[in-house]
Amino acid sequence: MSTPLIEIKNLKKEFLYKGQKLLAVNGISLSVYPQETLGLVGESGCGKTALARTIMRLHEPTSGDVL
């Protein structure tokens, strides 16, 4: 198998909102290989944008790795 283009291991992203921690992404692990397509679907506020921005390094993960 080829090397993944994106590899995420146990990703967690928290934000501070009104003095409280808001857990946006919790324990996501996945690999995306060449010629694969990744789609993020879900209800409003479930963490899709937080995950995408963390993958693009616009946000630093609270814990876990984006390789």
C-alpha atoms as a PDB file:
ATOM      1  CA  MET A   1       0.000   0.000   0.000  1.00  0.00           C
ATOM      2  CA  SER A   2       1.188   3.547  -0.713  1.00  0.00           C
ATOM      3  CA  THR A   3       2.007   6.270   1.779  1.00  0.00           C
ATOM      4  CA  PRO A   4      -1.018   8.247   3.027  1.00  0.00           C
ATOM      5  CA  LEU A   5      -1.377  11.873   1.925  1.00  0.00           C
ATOM      6  CA  ILE A   6      -3.054  12.699   5.237  1.00  0.00           C
ATOM      7  CA  GLU A   7      -2.769  10.699   8.425  1.00  0.00           C
ATOM      8  CA  ILE A   8      -4.560  11.676  11.619  1.00  0.00           C
ATOM      9  CA  LYS A   9      -3.977   9.874  14.896  1.00  0.00           C
ATOM     10  CA  ASN A  10      -6.272  10.339  17.896  1.00  0.00           C
ATOM     11  CA  LEU A  11      -6.952  14.006  17.110  1.00  0.00           C
ATOM     12  CA  LYS A  12      -8.601  16.130  19.764  1.00  0.00           C
ATOM     13  CA  LYS A  13      -9.470  19.827  19.462  1.00  0.00           C
ATOM     14  CA  GLU A  14     -10.869  21.956  22.275  1.00  0.00           C
ATOM     15  CA  PHE A  15     -11.813  25.624  22.274  1.00  0.00           C
ATOM     16  CA  LEU A  16     -12.352  27.970  25.187  1.00  0.00           C
ATOM     17  CA  TYR A  17     -15.843  29.509  24.968  1.00  0.00           C
ATOM     18  CA  LYS A  18     -17.195  31.797  27.684  1.00  0.00           C
ATOM     19  CA  GLY A  19     -14.647  30.423  30.126  1.00  0.00           C
ATOM     20  CA  GLN A  20     -15.526  26.784  29.469  1.00  0.00           C
ATOM     21  CA  LYS A  21     -13.838  24.128  27.354  1.00  0.00           C
ATOM     22  CA  LEU A  22     -15.787  23.151  24.255  1.00  0.00           C
ATOM     23  CA  LEU A  23     -14.787  19.796  22.775  1.00  0.00           C
ATOM     24  CA  ALA A  24     -15.098  20.132  18.983  1.00  0.00           C
ATOM     25  CA  VAL A  25     -13.203  17.024  17.821  1.00  0.00           C
ATOM     26  CA  ASN A  26     -12.622  13.953  19.983  1.00  0.00           C
ATOM     27  CA  GLY A  27     -10.396  11.003  19.102  1.00  0.00           C
ATOM     28  CA  ILE A  28     -10.496  11.087  15.292  1.00  0.00           C
ATOM     29  CA  SER A  29      -8.075   8.748  13.505  1.00  0.00           C
ATOM     30  CA  LEU A  30      -7.973   8.280   9.731  1.00  0.00           C
ATOM     31  CA  SER A  31      -5.712   7.961   6.706  1.00  0.00           C
ATOM     32  CA  VAL A  32      -6.327   9.334   3.208  1.00  0.00           C
ATOM     33  CA  TYR A  33      -4.369   7.705   0.388  1.00  0.00           C
ATOM     34  CA  PRO A  34      -3.705   8.949  -3.171  1.00  0.00           C
ATOM     35  CA  GLN A  35      -6.813   8.817  -5.383  1.00  0.00           C
ATOM     36  CA  GLU A  36      -9.145   8.666  -2.360  1.00  0.00           C
ATOM     37  CA  THR A  37     -11.701  11.354  -1.579  1.00  0.00           C
ATOM     38  CA  LEU A  38     -12.556  12.526   1.931  1.00  0.00           C
ATOM     39  CA  GLY A  39     -15.979  13.991   2.669  1.00  0.00           C
ATOM     40  CA  LEU A  40     -16.993  15.517   6.001  1.00  0.00           C
ATOM     41  CA  VAL A  41     -20.725  15.376   6.657  1.00  0.00           C
ATOM     42  CA  GLY A  42     -22.756  15.956   9.787  1.00  0.00           C
ATOM     43  CA  GLU A  43     -25.110  18.254  11.600  1.00  0.00           C
ATOM     44  CA  SER A  44     -24.392  21.909  12.204  1.00  0.00           C
ATOM     45  CA  GLY A  45     -21.939  22.379  15.054  1.00  0.00           C
ATOM     46  CA  CYS A  46     -20.610  18.810  15.113  1.00  0.00           C
ATOM     47  CA  GLY A  47     -16.948  19.752  14.415  1.00  0.00           C
ATOM     48  CA  LYS A  48     -16.557  19.476  10.614  1.00  0.00           C
ATOM     49  CA  THR A  49     -14.977  22.909  10.211  1.00  0.00           C
ATOM     50  CA  ALA A  50     -12.815  22.480  13.316  1.00  0.00           C
ATOM     51  CA  LEU A  51     -11.513  19.190  11.899  1.00  0.00           C
ATOM     52  CA  ALA A  52     -10.871  20.684   8.448  1.00  0.00           C
ATOM     53  CA  ARG A  53      -9.065  23.724   9.869  1.00  0.00           C
ATOM     54  CA  THR A  54      -6.939  21.512  12.096  1.00  0.00           C
ATOM     55  CA  ILE A  55      -6.000  19.298   9.134  1.00  0.00           C
ATOM     56  CA  MET A  56      -4.974  22.460   7.211  1.00  0.00           C
ATOM     57  CA  ARG A  57      -2.970  23.654  10.255  1.00  0.00           C
ATOM     58  CA  LEU A  58      -5.086  26.771  10.702  1.00  0.00           C
ATOM     59  CA  HIS A  59      -5.679  25.496  14.264  1.00  0.00           C
ATOM     60  CA  GLU A  60      -3.254  23.494  16.359  1.00  0.00           C
ATOM     61  CA  PRO A  61      -4.671  20.266  17.764  1.00  0.00           C
ATOM     62  CA  THR A  62      -5.189  20.045  21.520  1.00  0.00           C
ATOM     63  CA  SER A  63      -3.711  16.555  21.314  1.00  0.00           C
ATOM     64  CA  GLY A  64      -3.017  13.907  18.698  1.00  0.00           C
ATOM     65  CA  ASP A  65      -1.126  14.126  15.423  1.00  0.00           C
ATOM     66  CA  VAL A  66      -1.772  15.358  11.894  1.00  0.00           C
ATOM     67  CA  LEU A  67       0.930  13.929   9.636  1.00  0.00           C
END
